[in-house]
Amino acid sequence: MPAPGIEDLRRQLREKFPAAHGVQLGSSPRKKTGNPFHPESFPSGTISEVIPAGPVAGLSLVVAALLGDPGEDSPLPELALIDGADGFDPSSHTAAACSRLLWVRCASAPEMLKAADLLVRDGNLPFVLLDASGLPRHELTAIPASSWWRLRQMAGRTGGRLVVLSPYPIVPGTGLRLSLSADLSLHDFDAPRRELLERMTTGSEGLRQAT
């Protein structure tokens, strides 16, 4: 049997993950679980940015919120995590949650941007999360604005969602910028993740509600 073409793969992804592609198929409404983040919370066709409101904001909780706590494995990844500083810990998530993820491990800002360029341009994964929060400041400030504009234009062409986690604003012309606070301390080290997610709050710009 010949390998499926790229259009066939895109069609299969649209059918399996209609919400991520902005397609409404009359499925049952999403249950409210206290989780403030899911892919439909972010505008499609542009770049969004999430930054910390304070020194301890829990940006890593955004990854946990997006992965969720599914009851079964996914046959195909639903989102891509471009891990700029190779800081993601898969052992802290269930196998079912990790099955939803394409994890791209990087060790520098140039590697991170190359991976983002490939995935956003391809468009087969409609949600790309770029974690730049662990990279040193000199690497982040060296990223030219043209790199972000190019990624935004590609996201606009494919209709995908690109979300950047960064320690401070680094992306010009974002479609949405959120300031995240979780008010965490050492006392919360062993707290259940669901409890921490429920304590997450965003800045004055707020989250766009999914429909």
N, C-alpha and C. Protein backbone atom coordinates (compact mmCIF):
# COMPACT_ATOMS: atom_id res chain seq x y z
N MET A 1 0.86 -1.19 0.00
CA MET A 1 0.00 0.00 0.00
C MET A 1 0.89 1.24 0.00
N PRO A 2 0.65 2.20 -0.92
CA PRO A 2 1.50 3.38 -0.97
C PRO A 2 1.32 4.25 0.26
N ALA A 3 2.38 4.97 0.62
CA ALA A 3 2.32 5.86 1.78
C ALA A 3 1.35 7.00 1.51
N PRO A 4 0.59 7.43 2.52
CA PRO A 4 -0.37 8.53 2.31
C PRO A 4 0.35 9.83 2.01
N GLY A 5 -0.26 10.63 1.13
CA GLY A 5 0.30 11.93 0.80
C GLY A 5 0.06 12.91 1.91
N ILE A 6 0.68 14.08 1.79
CA ILE A 6 0.58 15.07 2.86
C ILE A 6 -0.84 15.57 3.04
N GLU A 7 -1.61 15.68 1.91
CA GLU A 7 -3.00 16.12 2.03
C GLU A 7 -3.85 15.09 2.77
N ASP A 8 -3.56 13.80 2.51
CA ASP A 8 -4.28 12.75 3.23
C ASP A 8 -4.00 12.82 4.73
N LEU A 9 -2.72 13.05 5.08
CA LEU A 9 -2.37 13.16 6.49
C LEU A 9 -3.04 14.35 7.14
N ARG A 10 -3.07 15.47 6.43
CA ARG A 10 -3.73 16.65 6.98
C ARG A 10 -5.22 16.41 7.17
N ARG A 11 -5.85 15.72 6.21
CA ARG A 11 -7.26 15.41 6.33
C ARG A 11 -7.52 14.53 7.55
N GLN A 12 -6.64 13.52 7.74
CA GLN A 12 -6.81 12.64 8.89
C GLN A 12 -6.66 13.39 10.21
N LEU A 13 -5.68 14.34 10.26
CA LEU A 13 -5.50 15.13 11.48
C LEU A 13 -6.71 16.03 11.73
N ARG A 14 -7.26 16.63 10.64
CA ARG A 14 -8.44 17.48 10.82
C ARG A 14 -9.63 16.68 11.35
N GLU A 15 -9.78 15.45 10.84
CA GLU A 15 -10.90 14.63 11.27
C GLU A 15 -10.74 14.15 12.71
N LYS A 16 -9.49 13.86 13.10
CA LYS A 16 -9.26 13.32 14.44
C LYS A 16 -9.23 14.42 15.49
N PHE A 17 -8.69 15.60 15.13
CA PHE A 17 -8.56 16.69 16.09
C PHE A 17 -9.25 17.94 15.54
N PRO A 18 -10.57 17.92 15.36
CA PRO A 18 -11.26 19.06 14.75
C PRO A 18 -11.15 20.34 15.56
N ALA A 19 -11.13 20.23 16.89
CA ALA A 19 -11.08 21.46 17.71
C ALA A 19 -9.78 22.20 17.50
N ALA A 20 -8.68 21.46 17.36
CA ALA A 20 -7.37 22.09 17.17
C ALA A 20 -7.29 22.79 15.83
N HIS A 21 -8.10 22.35 14.85
CA HIS A 21 -8.10 22.97 13.53
C HIS A 21 -9.20 24.00 13.38
N GLY A 22 -9.94 24.26 14.47
CA GLY A 22 -11.01 25.23 14.38
C GLY A 22 -12.25 24.72 13.68
N VAL A 23 -12.42 23.39 13.53
CA VAL A 23 -13.57 22.81 12.86
C VAL A 23 -14.60 22.40 13.90
N GLN A 24 -15.84 22.79 13.73
CA GLN A 24 -16.89 22.46 14.67
C GLN A 24 -17.70 21.29 14.12
N LEU A 25 -17.76 20.18 14.84
CA LEU A 25 -18.46 18.99 14.38
C LEU A 25 -19.62 18.62 15.29
N GLY A 26 -20.06 19.51 16.13
CA GLY A 26 -21.21 19.23 16.96
C GLY A 26 -20.94 18.23 18.06
N SER A 27 -19.70 18.11 18.50
CA SER A 27 -19.38 17.18 19.57
C SER A 27 -19.86 17.74 20.90
N SER A 28 -19.82 16.91 21.93
CA SER A 28 -20.28 17.34 23.23
C SER A 28 -19.38 18.44 23.77
N PRO A 29 -19.93 19.41 24.52
CA PRO A 29 -19.13 20.53 25.00
C PRO A 29 -18.06 20.07 25.98
N ARG A 30 -16.97 20.82 26.01
CA ARG A 30 -15.86 20.51 26.92
C ARG A 30 -16.29 20.72 28.36
N LYS A 31 -15.94 19.78 29.20
CA LYS A 31 -16.27 19.90 30.62
C LYS A 31 -15.35 20.91 31.29
N LYS A 32 -15.90 21.67 32.20
CA LYS A 32 -15.12 22.63 32.96
C LYS A 32 -14.37 21.89 34.06
N THR A 33 -13.05 21.98 34.08
CA THR A 33 -12.27 21.23 35.06
C THR A 33 -11.39 22.14 35.90
N GLY A 34 -11.50 23.46 35.75
CA GLY A 34 -10.60 24.35 36.46
C GLY A 34 -9.29 24.56 35.73
N ASN A 35 -9.13 23.98 34.57
CA ASN A 35 -7.93 24.13 33.76
C ASN A 35 -8.11 25.34 32.85
N PRO A 36 -7.32 26.41 33.02
CA PRO A 36 -7.54 27.62 32.24
C PRO A 36 -6.93 27.58 30.85
N PHE A 37 -6.15 26.55 30.52
CA PHE A 37 -5.46 26.49 29.24
C PHE A 37 -5.85 25.26 28.45
N HIS A 38 -6.18 25.46 27.19
CA HIS A 38 -6.31 24.38 26.22
C HIS A 38 -6.06 25.03 24.85
N PRO A 39 -5.78 24.25 23.83
CA PRO A 39 -5.37 24.85 22.55
C PRO A 39 -6.33 25.90 22.01
N GLU A 40 -7.65 25.68 22.15
CA GLU A 40 -8.61 26.62 21.58
C GLU A 40 -8.63 27.96 22.31
N SER A 41 -7.92 28.07 23.43
CA SER A 41 -7.86 29.33 24.17
C SER A 41 -7.03 30.38 23.44
N PHE A 42 -6.23 29.94 22.48
CA PHE A 42 -5.32 30.84 21.80
C PHE A 42 -5.78 31.08 20.36
N PRO A 43 -5.62 32.29 19.84
CA PRO A 43 -6.05 32.57 18.47
C PRO A 43 -5.24 31.80 17.45
N SER A 44 -5.88 31.37 16.40
CA SER A 44 -5.21 30.64 15.33
C SER A 44 -4.61 31.62 14.32
N GLY A 45 -3.62 31.13 13.58
CA GLY A 45 -3.03 31.93 12.52
C GLY A 45 -2.11 33.04 13.00
N THR A 46 -1.58 32.93 14.21
CA THR A 46 -0.69 33.97 14.73
C THR A 46 0.16 33.40 15.87
N ILE A 47 0.95 34.27 16.50
CA ILE A 47 1.78 33.88 17.65
C ILE A 47 1.17 34.47 18.92
N SER A 48 1.08 33.65 19.94
CA SER A 48 0.71 34.13 21.28
C SER A 48 1.92 33.96 22.20
N GLU A 49 1.95 34.73 23.26
CA GLU A 49 3.08 34.67 24.19
C GLU A 49 2.56 34.63 25.62
N VAL A 50 3.16 33.77 26.44
CA VAL A 50 2.83 33.67 27.86
C VAL A 50 4.08 34.01 28.65
N ILE A 51 3.99 35.00 29.52
CA ILE A 51 5.13 35.45 30.32
C ILE A 51 4.75 35.38 31.80
N PRO A 52 5.74 35.29 32.70
CA PRO A 52 5.43 35.26 34.14
C PRO A 52 5.10 36.64 34.67
N ALA A 53 4.16 36.69 35.61
CA ALA A 53 3.82 37.95 36.26
C ALA A 53 4.77 38.26 37.40
N GLY A 54 5.49 37.25 37.90
CA GLY A 54 6.42 37.42 39.01
C GLY A 54 7.55 36.43 38.90
N PRO A 55 8.41 36.39 39.89
CA PRO A 55 9.58 35.50 39.83
C PRO A 55 9.22 34.02 39.84
N VAL A 56 8.09 33.64 40.43
CA VAL A 56 7.66 32.24 40.47
C VAL A 56 6.23 32.19 39.95
N ALA A 57 6.09 31.94 38.64
CA ALA A 57 4.76 31.96 38.04
C ALA A 57 4.30 30.59 37.56
N GLY A 58 5.21 29.61 37.47
CA GLY A 58 4.80 28.27 37.08
C GLY A 58 4.53 28.11 35.60
N LEU A 59 5.44 28.64 34.74
CA LEU A 59 5.24 28.49 33.31
C LEU A 59 5.16 27.02 32.89
N SER A 60 5.86 26.15 33.60
CA SER A 60 5.82 24.73 33.24
C SER A 60 4.42 24.15 33.40
N LEU A 61 3.58 24.79 34.21
CA LEU A 61 2.21 24.32 34.38
C LEU A 61 1.40 24.49 33.11
N VAL A 62 1.81 25.41 32.24
CA VAL A 62 1.10 25.59 30.97
C VAL A 62 1.19 24.31 30.15
N VAL A 63 2.37 23.68 30.13
CA VAL A 63 2.55 22.42 29.41
C VAL A 63 1.62 21.36 30.00
N ALA A 64 1.59 21.27 31.32
CA ALA A 64 0.73 20.28 31.98
C ALA A 64 -0.74 20.56 31.68
N ALA A 65 -1.12 21.82 31.65
CA ALA A 65 -2.52 22.17 31.38
C ALA A 65 -2.91 21.78 29.97
N LEU A 66 -2.01 22.01 29.01
CA LEU A 66 -2.31 21.69 27.61
C LEU A 66 -2.37 20.18 27.38
N LEU A 67 -1.49 19.43 28.05
CA LEU A 67 -1.51 17.98 27.90
C LEU A 67 -2.72 17.38 28.57
N GLY A 68 -3.15 17.97 29.68
CA GLY A 68 -4.30 17.47 30.39
C GLY A 68 -4.01 16.14 31.09
N ASP A 69 -5.08 15.45 31.41
CA ASP A 69 -4.97 14.15 32.09
C ASP A 69 -5.89 13.15 31.38
N PRO A 70 -5.54 12.78 30.14
CA PRO A 70 -6.42 11.90 29.36
C PRO A 70 -6.49 10.50 29.94
N GLY A 71 -7.58 9.83 29.63
CA GLY A 71 -7.76 8.49 30.15
C GLY A 71 -7.16 7.41 29.28
N GLU A 72 -6.81 7.74 28.04
CA GLU A 72 -6.24 6.74 27.15
C GLU A 72 -5.22 7.38 26.22
N ASP A 73 -4.36 6.53 25.64
CA ASP A 73 -3.32 7.01 24.74
C ASP A 73 -3.93 7.57 23.46
N SER A 74 -3.20 8.51 22.85
CA SER A 74 -3.60 9.05 21.56
C SER A 74 -2.74 8.39 20.47
N PRO A 75 -3.34 7.93 19.37
CA PRO A 75 -2.55 7.29 18.32
C PRO A 75 -1.65 8.27 17.58
N LEU A 76 -1.99 9.55 17.60
CA LEU A 76 -1.20 10.57 16.92
C LEU A 76 -1.00 11.75 17.87
N PRO A 77 0.13 12.46 17.77
CA PRO A 77 0.34 13.64 18.63
C PRO A 77 -0.64 14.75 18.28
N GLU A 78 -1.08 15.47 19.30
CA GLU A 78 -2.00 16.58 19.10
C GLU A 78 -1.29 17.93 19.14
N LEU A 79 -0.13 17.99 19.77
CA LEU A 79 0.61 19.24 19.83
C LEU A 79 2.10 18.95 19.86
N ALA A 80 2.86 19.94 19.45
CA ALA A 80 4.32 19.82 19.46
C ALA A 80 4.89 20.75 20.53
N LEU A 81 5.82 20.23 21.31
CA LEU A 81 6.55 21.04 22.28
C LEU A 81 7.98 21.17 21.79
N ILE A 82 8.36 22.39 21.43
CA ILE A 82 9.74 22.68 21.07
C ILE A 82 10.42 23.17 22.35
N ASP A 83 11.22 22.30 22.92
CA ASP A 83 11.80 22.51 24.25
C ASP A 83 13.17 23.19 24.10
N GLY A 84 13.18 24.52 24.19
CA GLY A 84 14.37 25.28 23.87
C GLY A 84 15.59 24.94 24.70
N ALA A 85 15.41 24.64 25.98
CA ALA A 85 16.54 24.36 26.87
C ALA A 85 16.51 22.93 27.39
N ASP A 86 15.74 22.05 26.74
CA ASP A 86 15.66 20.64 27.11
C ASP A 86 15.30 20.49 28.58
N GLY A 87 14.24 21.17 29.00
CA GLY A 87 13.86 21.16 30.41
C GLY A 87 12.61 20.37 30.73
N PHE A 88 11.93 19.84 29.71
CA PHE A 88 10.68 19.10 29.94
C PHE A 88 10.99 17.75 30.60
N ASP A 89 10.16 17.38 31.57
CA ASP A 89 10.34 16.12 32.29
C ASP A 89 9.17 15.19 31.99
N PRO A 90 9.30 14.28 31.02
CA PRO A 90 8.17 13.41 30.68
C PRO A 90 7.77 12.48 31.81
N SER A 91 8.69 12.18 32.72
CA SER A 91 8.36 11.26 33.82
C SER A 91 7.34 11.85 34.79
N SER A 92 7.12 13.16 34.74
CA SER A 92 6.14 13.79 35.62
C SER A 92 4.75 13.80 35.02
N HIS A 93 4.59 13.18 33.84
CA HIS A 93 3.30 13.10 33.18
C HIS A 93 2.97 11.63 32.90
N THR A 94 1.70 11.35 32.72
CA THR A 94 1.30 9.98 32.41
C THR A 94 1.68 9.62 30.98
N ALA A 95 1.73 8.32 30.71
CA ALA A 95 2.02 7.86 29.36
C ALA A 95 0.95 8.33 28.38
N ALA A 96 -0.30 8.36 28.82
CA ALA A 96 -1.38 8.81 27.95
C ALA A 96 -1.21 10.28 27.58
N ALA A 97 -0.79 11.11 28.55
CA ALA A 97 -0.56 12.53 28.27
C ALA A 97 0.60 12.70 27.30
N CYS A 98 1.67 11.96 27.51
CA CYS A 98 2.84 12.08 26.64
C CYS A 98 2.55 11.57 25.23
N SER A 99 1.58 10.68 25.09
CA SER A 99 1.25 10.17 23.76
C SER A 99 0.63 11.25 22.89
N ARG A 100 0.16 12.33 23.49
CA ARG A 100 -0.43 13.44 22.73
C ARG A 100 0.62 14.43 22.26
N LEU A 101 1.89 14.19 22.62
CA LEU A 101 2.93 15.20 22.46
C LEU A 101 4.03 14.76 21.50
N LEU A 102 4.41 15.66 20.61
CA LEU A 102 5.64 15.52 19.86
C LEU A 102 6.67 16.42 20.54
N TRP A 103 7.67 15.81 21.16
CA TRP A 103 8.65 16.54 21.97
C TRP A 103 9.93 16.74 21.15
N VAL A 104 10.27 17.99 20.88
CA VAL A 104 11.48 18.34 20.13
C VAL A 104 12.48 18.95 21.11
N ARG A 105 13.55 18.23 21.38
CA ARG A 105 14.53 18.67 22.38
C ARG A 105 15.61 19.53 21.72
N CYS A 106 15.81 20.71 22.28
CA CYS A 106 16.80 21.64 21.76
C CYS A 106 17.74 22.06 22.88
N ALA A 107 18.86 22.68 22.50
CA ALA A 107 19.84 23.11 23.48
C ALA A 107 20.26 24.56 23.28
N SER A 108 19.58 25.27 22.39
CA SER A 108 19.95 26.66 22.13
C SER A 108 18.81 27.35 21.39
N ALA A 109 18.86 28.67 21.37
CA ALA A 109 17.83 29.44 20.66
C ALA A 109 17.86 29.17 19.16
N PRO A 110 19.04 29.10 18.50
CA PRO A 110 19.04 28.79 17.06
C PRO A 110 18.40 27.45 16.75
N GLU A 111 18.67 26.41 17.56
CA GLU A 111 18.03 25.11 17.33
C GLU A 111 16.52 25.22 17.50
N MET A 112 16.10 25.95 18.51
CA MET A 112 14.68 26.13 18.79
C MET A 112 13.97 26.79 17.60
N LEU A 113 14.58 27.83 17.05
CA LEU A 113 13.97 28.55 15.93
C LEU A 113 13.93 27.70 14.67
N LYS A 114 14.97 26.90 14.44
CA LYS A 114 14.96 26.01 13.27
C LYS A 114 13.84 25.00 13.36
N ALA A 115 13.65 24.44 14.56
CA ALA A 115 12.58 23.46 14.75
C ALA A 115 11.22 24.13 14.56
N ALA A 116 11.05 25.34 15.10
CA ALA A 116 9.78 26.06 14.94
C ALA A 116 9.50 26.35 13.48
N ASP A 117 10.54 26.74 12.74
CA ASP A 117 10.38 27.04 11.32
C ASP A 117 9.85 25.82 10.57
N LEU A 118 10.43 24.65 10.85
CA LEU A 118 10.02 23.43 10.15
C LEU A 118 8.59 23.04 10.50
N LEU A 119 8.25 23.05 11.80
CA LEU A 119 6.93 22.57 12.21
C LEU A 119 5.81 23.53 11.83
N VAL A 120 6.04 24.84 11.99
CA VAL A 120 5.01 25.81 11.65
C VAL A 120 4.81 25.85 10.14
N ARG A 121 5.89 25.78 9.39
CA ARG A 121 5.79 25.79 7.93
C ARG A 121 5.03 24.57 7.42
N ASP A 122 5.29 23.40 8.02
CA ASP A 122 4.65 22.18 7.57
C ASP A 122 3.14 22.20 7.81
N GLY A 123 2.74 22.64 9.01
CA GLY A 123 1.32 22.81 9.29
C GLY A 123 0.56 21.55 9.66
N ASN A 124 1.23 20.40 9.75
CA ASN A 124 0.51 19.17 10.08
C ASN A 124 0.10 19.10 11.55
N LEU A 125 0.86 19.75 12.42
CA LEU A 125 0.48 19.85 13.83
C LEU A 125 -0.03 21.28 14.06
N PRO A 126 -1.32 21.44 14.24
CA PRO A 126 -1.89 22.79 14.28
C PRO A 126 -1.60 23.57 15.55
N PHE A 127 -1.00 22.92 16.57
CA PHE A 127 -0.66 23.64 17.80
C PHE A 127 0.80 23.36 18.14
N VAL A 128 1.60 24.42 18.16
CA VAL A 128 3.03 24.33 18.46
C VAL A 128 3.33 25.20 19.67
N LEU A 129 3.90 24.58 20.69
CA LEU A 129 4.29 25.29 21.91
C LEU A 129 5.80 25.40 21.94
N LEU A 130 6.29 26.62 21.96
CA LEU A 130 7.73 26.87 21.94
C LEU A 130 8.14 27.38 23.32
N ASP A 131 8.89 26.56 24.06
CA ASP A 131 9.30 26.91 25.42
C ASP A 131 10.69 27.50 25.40
N ALA A 132 10.75 28.83 25.53
CA ALA A 132 12.03 29.54 25.56
C ALA A 132 12.38 29.98 26.97
N SER A 133 11.62 29.52 27.97
CA SER A 133 11.77 30.06 29.32
C SER A 133 13.09 29.69 29.98
N GLY A 134 13.73 28.60 29.55
CA GLY A 134 14.97 28.18 30.20
C GLY A 134 16.24 28.64 29.51
N LEU A 135 16.10 29.40 28.44
CA LEU A 135 17.28 29.85 27.69
C LEU A 135 17.89 31.11 28.32
N PRO A 136 19.21 31.27 28.21
CA PRO A 136 19.85 32.46 28.78
C PRO A 136 19.43 33.74 28.07
N ARG A 137 19.48 34.82 28.80
CA ARG A 137 19.00 36.10 28.27
C ARG A 137 19.74 36.53 27.01
N HIS A 138 21.06 36.29 26.96
CA HIS A 138 21.81 36.77 25.80
C HIS A 138 21.39 36.06 24.52
N GLU A 139 20.93 34.81 24.63
CA GLU A 139 20.45 34.11 23.44
C GLU A 139 19.09 34.64 23.00
N LEU A 140 18.24 34.94 23.97
CA LEU A 140 16.90 35.44 23.63
C LEU A 140 16.97 36.83 23.02
N THR A 141 17.81 37.69 23.57
CA THR A 141 17.90 39.05 23.03
C THR A 141 18.58 39.07 21.66
N ALA A 142 19.31 38.01 21.33
CA ALA A 142 19.98 37.94 20.03
C ALA A 142 19.05 37.49 18.91
N ILE A 143 17.84 37.03 19.24
CA ILE A 143 16.90 36.60 18.21
C ILE A 143 16.39 37.82 17.45
N PRO A 144 16.60 37.90 16.15
CA PRO A 144 16.13 39.08 15.41
C PRO A 144 14.61 39.10 15.30
N ALA A 145 14.05 40.30 15.27
CA ALA A 145 12.60 40.43 15.14
C ALA A 145 12.09 39.78 13.87
N SER A 146 12.92 39.75 12.83
CA SER A 146 12.49 39.17 11.56
C SER A 146 12.16 37.68 11.71
N SER A 147 12.83 36.99 12.63
CA SER A 147 12.54 35.57 12.84
C SER A 147 11.12 35.38 13.36
N TRP A 148 10.71 36.24 14.29
CA TRP A 148 9.35 36.13 14.83
C TRP A 148 8.31 36.52 13.78
N TRP A 149 8.60 37.55 13.00
CA TRP A 149 7.65 37.96 11.96
C TRP A 149 7.48 36.85 10.92
N ARG A 150 8.58 36.15 10.60
CA ARG A 150 8.48 35.07 9.62
C ARG A 150 7.61 33.94 10.17
N LEU A 151 7.81 33.60 11.44
CA LEU A 151 6.99 32.56 12.04
C LEU A 151 5.52 32.97 12.09
N ARG A 152 5.26 34.24 12.37
CA ARG A 152 3.88 34.71 12.41
C ARG A 152 3.24 34.62 11.03
N GLN A 153 3.98 34.97 9.99
CA GLN A 153 3.45 34.88 8.64
C GLN A 153 3.15 33.44 8.25
N MET A 154 4.04 32.51 8.64
CA MET A 154 3.80 31.10 8.33
C MET A 154 2.59 30.57 9.07
N ALA A 155 2.44 30.96 10.34
CA ALA A 155 1.26 30.55 11.10
C ALA A 155 -0.01 31.10 10.46
N GLY A 156 0.07 32.30 9.93
CA GLY A 156 -1.08 32.88 9.25
C GLY A 156 -1.46 32.11 8.00
N ARG A 157 -0.45 31.60 7.29
CA ARG A 157 -0.73 30.84 6.07
C ARG A 157 -1.32 29.46 6.38
N THR A 158 -0.83 28.82 7.44
CA THR A 158 -1.30 27.47 7.76
C THR A 158 -2.51 27.47 8.69
N GLY A 159 -2.77 28.60 9.36
CA GLY A 159 -3.87 28.66 10.31
C GLY A 159 -3.55 28.01 11.64
N GLY A 160 -2.27 27.73 11.88
CA GLY A 160 -1.88 27.07 13.12
C GLY A 160 -1.79 28.01 14.30
N ARG A 161 -1.62 27.43 15.47
CA ARG A 161 -1.44 28.20 16.70
C ARG A 161 0.00 28.00 17.18
N LEU A 162 0.74 29.09 17.34
CA LEU A 162 2.09 29.05 17.88
C LEU A 162 2.09 29.84 19.17
N VAL A 163 2.43 29.17 20.28
CA VAL A 163 2.45 29.81 21.60
C VAL A 163 3.86 29.75 22.16
N VAL A 164 4.37 30.89 22.58
CA VAL A 164 5.74 31.00 23.09
C VAL A 164 5.69 31.23 24.59
N LEU A 165 6.40 30.39 25.34
CA LEU A 165 6.61 30.60 26.78
C LEU A 165 7.95 31.29 26.94
N SER A 166 7.97 32.47 27.53
CA SER A 166 9.21 33.22 27.64
C SER A 166 9.29 33.91 29.00
N PRO A 167 10.50 34.17 29.50
CA PRO A 167 10.67 34.78 30.83
C PRO A 167 10.28 36.24 30.87
N TYR A 168 10.19 36.89 29.72
CA TYR A 168 9.78 38.29 29.59
C TYR A 168 9.39 38.49 28.13
N PRO A 169 8.73 39.59 27.78
CA PRO A 169 8.28 39.76 26.40
C PRO A 169 9.45 39.76 25.41
N ILE A 170 9.40 38.85 24.46
CA ILE A 170 10.46 38.78 23.44
C ILE A 170 9.89 38.74 22.03
N VAL A 171 8.57 38.56 21.90
CA VAL A 171 7.96 38.40 20.58
C VAL A 171 7.23 39.68 20.19
N PRO A 172 7.65 40.35 19.10
CA PRO A 172 6.95 41.55 18.66
C PRO A 172 5.67 41.17 17.90
N GLY A 173 4.66 42.01 18.04
CA GLY A 173 3.44 41.82 17.26
C GLY A 173 2.67 40.56 17.56
N THR A 174 2.58 40.18 18.84
CA THR A 174 1.85 38.96 19.19
C THR A 174 0.34 39.16 19.01
N GLY A 175 -0.35 38.04 18.68
CA GLY A 175 -1.80 38.10 18.61
C GLY A 175 -2.42 38.15 19.99
N LEU A 176 -1.72 37.64 21.00
CA LEU A 176 -2.20 37.62 22.38
C LEU A 176 -0.98 37.47 23.29
N ARG A 177 -0.93 38.28 24.33
CA ARG A 177 0.12 38.14 25.34
C ARG A 177 -0.54 38.02 26.71
N LEU A 178 -0.20 36.94 27.41
CA LEU A 178 -0.76 36.68 28.72
C LEU A 178 0.31 36.79 29.78
N SER A 179 -0.05 37.37 30.91
CA SER A 179 0.83 37.44 32.07
C SER A 179 0.31 36.43 33.08
N LEU A 180 1.12 35.43 33.39
CA LEU A 180 0.68 34.29 34.19
C LEU A 180 1.20 34.37 35.62
N SER A 181 0.33 34.05 36.56
CA SER A 181 0.72 33.97 37.96
C SER A 181 0.10 32.74 38.59
N ALA A 182 0.89 32.02 39.39
CA ALA A 182 0.37 30.87 40.13
C ALA A 182 0.62 30.99 41.62
N ASP A 183 1.36 32.03 42.03
CA ASP A 183 1.61 32.29 43.46
C ASP A 183 2.14 31.03 44.16
N LEU A 184 3.25 30.51 43.63
CA LEU A 184 3.81 29.27 44.15
C LEU A 184 4.94 29.53 45.14
N SER A 185 5.17 28.56 46.02
CA SER A 185 6.27 28.61 46.96
C SER A 185 6.78 27.19 47.18
N LEU A 186 7.80 27.05 48.01
CA LEU A 186 8.34 25.72 48.30
C LEU A 186 7.31 24.82 48.97
N HIS A 187 6.34 25.41 49.64
CA HIS A 187 5.30 24.62 50.31
C HIS A 187 4.41 23.89 49.31
N ASP A 188 4.46 24.35 48.04
CA ASP A 188 3.61 23.75 47.01
C ASP A 188 4.31 22.65 46.24
N PHE A 189 5.53 22.28 46.65
CA PHE A 189 6.32 21.33 45.88
C PHE A 189 5.59 19.99 45.69
N ASP A 190 4.91 19.53 46.74
CA ASP A 190 4.22 18.24 46.68
C ASP A 190 2.71 18.39 46.48
N ALA A 191 2.25 19.59 46.16
CA ALA A 191 0.81 19.79 45.97
C ALA A 191 0.34 19.11 44.70
N PRO A 192 -0.88 18.60 44.67
CA PRO A 192 -1.41 17.98 43.45
C PRO A 192 -1.42 18.97 42.29
N ARG A 193 -1.09 18.48 41.10
CA ARG A 193 -1.03 19.37 39.94
C ARG A 193 -2.38 20.01 39.66
N ARG A 194 -3.46 19.27 39.83
CA ARG A 194 -4.79 19.83 39.58
C ARG A 194 -5.04 21.06 40.46
N GLU A 195 -4.59 20.99 41.72
CA GLU A 195 -4.76 22.13 42.62
C GLU A 195 -3.96 23.33 42.14
N LEU A 196 -2.74 23.08 41.66
CA LEU A 196 -1.90 24.18 41.17
C LEU A 196 -2.51 24.80 39.92
N LEU A 197 -3.06 23.97 39.03
CA LEU A 197 -3.68 24.50 37.82
C LEU A 197 -4.87 25.40 38.15
N GLU A 198 -5.62 25.03 39.16
CA GLU A 198 -6.78 25.83 39.54
C GLU A 198 -6.38 27.18 40.12
N ARG A 199 -5.15 27.28 40.60
CA ARG A 199 -4.67 28.54 41.17
C ARG A 199 -4.03 29.45 40.13
N MET A 200 -3.87 28.97 38.92
CA MET A 200 -3.28 29.78 37.87
C MET A 200 -4.21 30.92 37.49
N THR A 201 -3.66 32.11 37.38
CA THR A 201 -4.44 33.27 36.93
C THR A 201 -3.66 33.99 35.85
N THR A 202 -4.36 34.72 35.00
CA THR A 202 -3.73 35.47 33.93
C THR A 202 -3.85 36.95 34.20
N GLY A 203 -3.06 37.72 33.45
CA GLY A 203 -3.04 39.17 33.62
C GLY A 203 -4.29 39.83 33.06
N SER A 204 -4.26 41.16 32.97
CA SER A 204 -5.45 41.93 32.60
C SER A 204 -5.95 41.63 31.20
N GLU A 205 -5.04 41.12 30.32
CA GLU A 205 -5.49 40.82 28.95
C GLU A 205 -6.45 39.64 28.93
N GLY A 206 -6.29 38.72 29.91
CA GLY A 206 -7.22 37.59 30.03
C GLY A 206 -7.08 36.58 28.92
N LEU A 207 -7.76 35.45 29.11
CA LEU A 207 -7.78 34.39 28.12
C LEU A 207 -9.01 34.52 27.26
N ARG A 208 -8.84 34.32 25.97
CA ARG A 208 -9.97 34.29 25.07
C ARG A 208 -10.75 33.00 25.26
N GLN A 209 -12.01 33.10 25.54
CA GLN A 209 -12.80 31.92 25.82
C GLN A 209 -13.03 31.12 24.56
N ALA A 210 -12.88 29.78 24.68
CA ALA A 210 -13.13 28.92 23.53
C ALA A 210 -14.63 28.77 23.33
N THR A 211 -15.01 28.56 22.09
CA THR A 211 -16.41 28.35 21.75
C THR A 211 -16.62 26.93 21.30
